Protein backbone atom coordinates (compact mmCIF):
# COMPACT_ATOMS: atom_id res chain seq x y z
CA MET A 1 7.36 4.52 29.76
CA ARG A 2 8.55 2.69 32.88
CA SER A 3 11.71 0.37 33.04
CA SER A 4 10.59 -2.92 34.40
CA PRO A 5 12.07 -3.78 37.83
CA GLY A 6 15.53 -4.70 37.51
CA CYS A 7 16.02 -2.98 33.98
CA GLY A 8 18.62 -0.03 34.73
CA GLY A 9 18.59 1.63 37.85
CA PRO A 10 18.89 5.33 39.28
CA ALA A 11 20.14 7.82 37.14
CA ASP A 12 23.10 8.22 39.45
CA GLN A 13 24.26 4.37 38.88
CA MET A 14 23.49 4.52 35.12
CA ILE A 15 26.36 3.94 32.89
CA GLN A 16 26.03 6.35 29.94
CA VAL A 17 26.45 4.79 26.50
CA MET A 18 28.18 7.18 24.35
CA ASP A 19 28.65 5.78 21.20
CA LEU A 20 25.02 4.15 19.80
CA GLN A 21 26.41 3.80 16.44
CA GLU A 22 28.67 1.45 17.50
CA LEU A 23 25.76 -0.33 19.43
CA ALA A 24 23.80 -0.19 16.31
CA GLU A 25 26.34 -1.75 14.25
CA GLN A 26 26.62 -4.75 16.49
CA TRP A 27 22.75 -4.93 16.74
CA VAL A 28 22.57 -5.21 12.86
CA ALA A 29 25.36 -7.80 12.66
CA ASP A 30 23.37 -9.86 15.48
CA TYR A 31 20.05 -9.47 13.58
CA ASP A 32 21.69 -10.84 10.55
CA ARG A 33 22.91 -13.93 11.95
CA HIS A 34 19.13 -14.06 13.19
CA GLN A 35 19.92 -13.52 16.89
CA PRO A 36 18.57 -10.09 17.57
CA GLY A 37 20.39 -8.32 20.57
CA ALA A 38 22.23 -11.48 21.53
CA ARG A 39 25.56 -9.65 22.29
CA LEU A 40 23.76 -6.38 23.63
CA ALA A 41 21.88 -7.94 26.51
CA SER A 42 24.15 -6.63 29.09
CA GLU A 43 24.60 -2.83 27.01
CA VAL A 44 20.58 -2.35 26.85
CA LEU A 45 20.46 -2.39 30.66
CA THR A 46 22.79 0.73 30.76
CA LEU A 47 20.22 2.65 28.34
CA THR A 48 17.65 5.15 29.06
CA VAL A 49 14.20 4.52 27.00
CA GLU A 50 15.30 7.72 24.79
CA GLU A 51 18.53 6.06 24.34
CA ALA A 52 17.23 2.86 23.11
CA TYR A 53 15.15 4.54 20.51
CA ARG A 54 18.14 6.51 19.42
CA LEU A 55 19.80 2.94 19.11
CA GLN A 56 16.61 1.76 17.15
CA MET A 57 16.87 4.84 14.87
CA GLU A 58 20.61 4.55 14.28
CA ALA A 59 20.00 0.91 13.11
CA ALA A 60 17.41 2.09 10.85
CA ARG A 61 19.52 4.35 9.16
CA LEU A 62 22.08 1.51 8.67
CA ARG A 63 19.68 -0.89 7.16
CA GLU A 64 18.21 1.80 4.98
CA ALA A 65 21.79 2.60 3.91
CA ARG A 66 22.56 -0.75 2.81
CA GLY A 67 19.24 -1.07 0.84
CA GLU A 68 16.44 -1.98 3.21
CA PRO A 69 13.85 0.87 2.80
CA VAL A 70 11.57 1.67 5.82
CA ALA A 71 8.25 0.64 4.39
CA GLY A 72 6.26 2.09 7.66
CA TYR A 73 6.23 1.84 11.28
CA LYS A 74 4.51 -0.50 14.30
CA ILE A 75 2.96 0.53 17.42
CA GLY A 76 2.87 -2.29 20.15
CA CYS A 77 2.01 -2.74 23.59
CA LEU A 78 -1.42 -1.08 23.49
CA SER A 79 -3.72 -3.86 24.38
CA ALA A 80 -4.16 -5.17 28.05
CA ALA A 81 -3.34 -8.47 26.62
CA ILE A 82 0.30 -7.76 25.33
CA GLN A 83 0.85 -5.52 28.29
CA THR A 84 0.42 -8.25 30.63
CA GLN A 85 1.95 -10.79 28.57
CA PHE A 86 5.01 -8.27 28.45
CA GLY A 87 4.89 -6.98 31.90
CA LEU A 88 5.16 -3.38 30.32
CA ASP A 89 2.54 -0.54 30.56
CA GLN A 90 3.33 1.89 27.86
CA PRO A 91 3.24 1.33 23.92
CA VAL A 92 6.65 0.96 22.17
CA PHE A 93 7.27 1.60 18.42
CA GLY A 94 9.19 -0.21 15.55
CA HIS A 95 10.32 0.12 12.08
CA ILE A 96 8.85 -2.10 9.40
CA TYR A 97 11.31 -3.02 6.31
CA GLN A 98 10.16 -3.36 2.75
CA THR A 99 12.74 -6.32 2.96
CA GLU A 100 10.43 -7.82 5.53
CA VAL A 101 6.99 -7.39 3.81
CA TYR A 102 5.65 -10.65 2.53
CA PRO A 103 2.47 -11.69 0.36
CA SER A 104 -0.40 -13.84 1.91
CA GLY A 105 0.47 -17.42 1.31
CA VAL A 106 4.29 -17.12 2.22
CA VAL A 107 6.14 -20.09 3.51
CA LEU A 108 8.20 -18.57 6.49
CA ASP A 109 11.80 -20.12 7.29
CA PRO A 110 12.03 -20.53 11.02
CA ALA A 111 15.75 -20.71 10.49
CA ARG A 112 15.73 -16.87 9.47
CA HIS A 113 13.97 -16.09 13.11
CA GLU A 114 14.69 -16.59 16.94
CA ASN A 115 11.65 -18.13 18.53
CA LEU A 116 9.03 -17.11 15.67
CA ALA A 117 5.83 -15.82 17.05
CA ILE A 118 2.88 -13.90 15.40
CA GLU A 119 0.32 -11.64 15.94
CA GLY A 120 -2.90 -10.87 14.35
CA GLU A 121 -3.89 -6.99 13.80
CA PHE A 122 -5.14 -4.49 11.72
CA GLY A 123 -2.81 -2.57 9.11
CA VAL A 124 -3.45 0.45 7.42
CA ARG A 125 -1.93 2.55 4.42
CA LEU A 126 -1.43 6.12 4.74
CA ALA A 127 -3.57 8.34 2.04
CA GLU A 128 -1.72 11.67 2.79
CA ASP A 129 1.44 13.05 4.49
CA ILE A 130 0.79 13.79 8.13
CA PRO A 131 2.62 16.95 9.26
CA ASP A 132 1.94 16.41 12.97
CA SER A 133 -0.76 14.95 15.18
CA ASN A 134 -2.64 18.32 15.40
CA TRP A 135 -3.35 17.91 11.49
CA LEU A 136 -4.12 14.21 11.98
CA ARG A 137 -7.01 15.35 14.41
CA ALA A 138 -8.52 17.82 12.01
CA HIS A 139 -8.50 15.51 8.92
CA ALA A 140 -9.07 11.96 10.41
CA ASP A 141 -11.63 11.43 7.21
CA GLN A 142 -8.53 11.94 4.97
CA VAL A 143 -5.83 9.95 6.40
CA LEU A 144 -6.75 6.13 5.75
CA ALA A 145 -5.89 4.96 1.93
CA THR A 146 -6.69 1.21 2.96
CA ALA A 147 -7.02 -1.02 5.93
CA PHE A 148 -6.51 -4.72 6.31
CA PRO A 149 -5.85 -7.76 8.81
CA VAL A 150 -2.14 -8.62 8.75
CA ILE A 151 0.14 -11.13 10.29
CA GLU A 152 2.69 -9.61 12.34
CA LEU A 153 6.07 -11.65 12.72
CA HIS A 154 8.34 -11.44 15.57
CA ASN A 155 11.57 -12.95 16.86
CA TYR A 156 9.97 -13.45 20.56
CA VAL A 157 13.15 -13.15 22.84
CA PHE A 158 13.83 -11.49 25.68
CA ARG A 159 17.35 -11.87 27.36
CA ASN A 160 16.90 -9.99 30.39
CA THR A 161 14.59 -10.91 33.38
CA PRO A 162 12.34 -9.43 34.24
CA HIS A 163 11.37 -8.14 30.95
CA CYS A 164 12.95 -4.61 30.09
CA ALA A 165 11.26 -1.87 28.33
CA GLN A 166 14.48 -0.52 26.99
CA GLU A 167 15.52 -4.20 25.56
CA LEU A 168 12.04 -4.38 23.71
CA ILE A 169 12.77 -1.12 22.19
CA ALA A 170 16.25 -1.71 20.74
CA ASN A 171 15.17 -4.96 19.39
CA ASN A 172 12.80 -2.91 17.25
CA ALA A 173 9.63 -3.76 19.18
CA LEU A 174 10.47 -7.51 18.36
CA HIS A 175 9.36 -7.01 14.90
CA ALA A 176 10.48 -9.36 12.15
CA GLY A 177 8.24 -9.08 9.12
CA VAL A 178 4.63 -8.60 8.30
CA VAL A 179 2.38 -10.83 5.76
CA LEU A 180 -0.40 -8.89 3.85
CA PRO A 181 -3.26 -9.80 2.16
CA GLN A 182 -3.61 -9.97 -1.62
CA PHE A 183 -6.26 -7.53 -1.68
CA GLU A 184 -6.04 -3.98 0.60
CA PRO A 185 -9.66 -2.56 0.81
CA SER A 186 -10.09 1.01 -0.03
CA ALA A 187 -10.68 3.44 2.54
CA ARG A 188 -14.42 3.26 1.88
CA ASP A 189 -14.17 -0.26 3.00
CA ALA A 190 -11.93 0.49 6.25
CA ARG A 191 -14.58 1.55 8.57
CA ALA A 192 -16.42 -1.52 8.37
CA LEU A 193 -13.21 -3.77 8.75
CA LEU A 194 -11.58 -1.83 11.59
CA ASP A 195 -14.98 -2.09 13.51
CA GLY A 196 -15.21 -5.73 12.85
CA ARG A 197 -13.50 -8.35 14.97
CA ILE A 198 -10.17 -10.32 14.13
CA GLU A 199 -9.37 -13.96 14.48
CA ILE A 200 -6.39 -15.77 14.74
CA VAL A 201 -6.13 -19.55 13.62
CA ARG A 202 -3.28 -22.11 14.08
CA ASN A 203 -4.01 -25.40 12.12
CA GLY A 204 -7.58 -24.73 12.16
CA GLU A 205 -7.73 -23.99 15.75
CA VAL A 206 -8.95 -20.64 16.85
CA LEU A 207 -6.23 -19.19 19.00
CA GLY A 208 -7.87 -15.84 19.73
CA LEU A 209 -10.85 -13.56 18.78
CA ALA A 210 -11.30 -9.80 19.56
CA SER A 211 -12.26 -6.44 18.25
CA GLY A 212 -10.07 -3.32 17.38
CA GLN A 213 -12.15 -1.50 20.12
CA ALA A 214 -9.95 -3.34 22.53
CA LEU A 215 -7.16 -0.92 21.70
CA PRO A 216 -7.46 2.97 22.86
CA GLU A 217 -8.92 5.08 20.58
CA PHE A 218 -8.46 2.52 17.64
CA PRO A 219 -7.42 3.21 15.16
CA PHE A 220 -6.56 6.93 15.01
CA GLY A 221 -5.26 6.81 18.55
CA SER A 222 -2.40 4.35 17.32
CA ILE A 223 -1.67 6.80 14.45
CA ILE A 224 -1.60 9.92 16.74
CA ARG A 225 0.67 8.35 19.35
CA LEU A 226 3.06 7.21 16.42
CA ALA A 227 2.91 10.55 15.04
CA ASP A 228 4.11 12.14 18.31
CA HIS A 229 6.72 9.60 18.66
CA LEU A 230 8.26 10.48 15.54
CA ALA A 231 8.17 14.27 16.03
CA ARG A 232 10.60 13.76 18.81
CA PHE A 233 13.26 12.42 16.53
CA GLY A 234 12.37 14.81 13.67
CA ARG A 235 10.45 12.54 11.40
CA ARG A 236 6.84 12.28 10.38
CA LEU A 237 4.51 9.83 8.53
CA ARG A 238 4.35 10.03 4.74
CA ARG A 239 1.71 8.93 2.20
CA GLY A 240 1.70 5.33 1.44
CA GLN A 241 3.43 4.30 4.52
CA LEU A 242 2.16 1.07 6.16
CA ILE A 243 1.20 1.10 9.69
CA LEU A 244 0.39 -1.65 12.13
CA THR A 245 -1.88 -0.48 14.73
CA GLY A 246 -1.51 -2.74 17.66
CA SER A 247 -2.99 -6.09 18.39
CA PRO A 248 -5.90 -6.63 20.49
CA LEU A 249 -4.76 -10.20 21.24
CA ALA A 250 -1.70 -11.80 22.76
CA LEU A 251 1.51 -12.93 20.82
CA TYR A 252 1.52 -16.57 19.77
CA PRO A 253 4.57 -18.90 19.06
CA VAL A 254 4.81 -20.90 16.05
CA PHE A 255 6.33 -23.79 14.86
CA GLU A 256 7.61 -25.98 12.11
CA GLY A 257 4.64 -26.97 9.86
CA ASP A 258 2.13 -24.49 11.38
CA ARG A 259 -0.43 -22.90 9.38
CA ILE A 260 -1.58 -19.45 10.36
CA GLU A 261 -4.56 -17.46 9.29
CA VAL A 262 -5.65 -14.08 10.44
CA THR A 263 -9.26 -12.91 9.15
CA SER A 264 -11.68 -10.13 9.54
CA GLY A 265 -14.40 -8.68 7.80
CA GLY A 266 -14.21 -11.48 5.19
CA LEU A 267 -10.71 -10.95 4.34
CA GLY A 268 -7.92 -12.90 5.25
CA VAL A 269 -4.02 -13.56 5.27
CA ALA A 270 -2.15 -16.65 5.51
CA ALA A 271 1.33 -17.98 6.10
CA ARG A 272 2.91 -21.59 6.65
CA VAL A 273 6.00 -22.14 8.64
CA LYS A 274 8.39 -24.18 6.78
CA GLY A 275 8.88 -27.87 8.41
CA ARG A 276 7.30 -31.20 8.33
CA PRO A 277 4.92 -31.99 5.39
CA GLN A 278 1.35 -30.59 5.51
């Protein structure tokens, strides 16, 4: 992954950050006050991409230790729409926490987020442990338990200009939660769903409509990339984990009182942003 121009610098000019645990503790404290990365804006400029991921992993360890289990993972910046919007050219990965998994119909509190924004995308739940990406390629027909449209929540904030890959990674790929449908179709229905189109509607207005085919090698290409990424850190995908496979559409800001719906293949998921009366 490239660093955007102005983010970091030549290797011989980089400040080496020695204590990622201390930075992770600071990041978690900022996240708790709904300002993720606020006091790390300058520090992330000194990180390599590898260090930024290690910071994210350490933050995940801290959150798990205090009772926030990792429910799965996300992959982002796959589609041309998102890469253009963010000014990046490679995918990024992040953690999903069980404490931030919500049911369809949830009322979201914008005060718990910084510049709340959403994506509509496909989520899948894994049917098997995945030892590595080679196993996944050989057993693709065994991987998916369920597949369904979701609303992914984001803290849509960059504190460095131009946008910086390290900042995006350190901030858990902007992930701030996910809204799931009431029903998760089984793998028998997954192929029809994944081959369908996904639509995002805000207050009755269609914001975007696209197919999963806008994502490279969808959906297994996303899971293969994620399996290879986790292997670099001694981790692997597990049965029952939730995977967000990437959005074929842009990221959309939402505001007080907005109602958001994401639909595909006759299945939908909805959320409302707390605010003015509907």
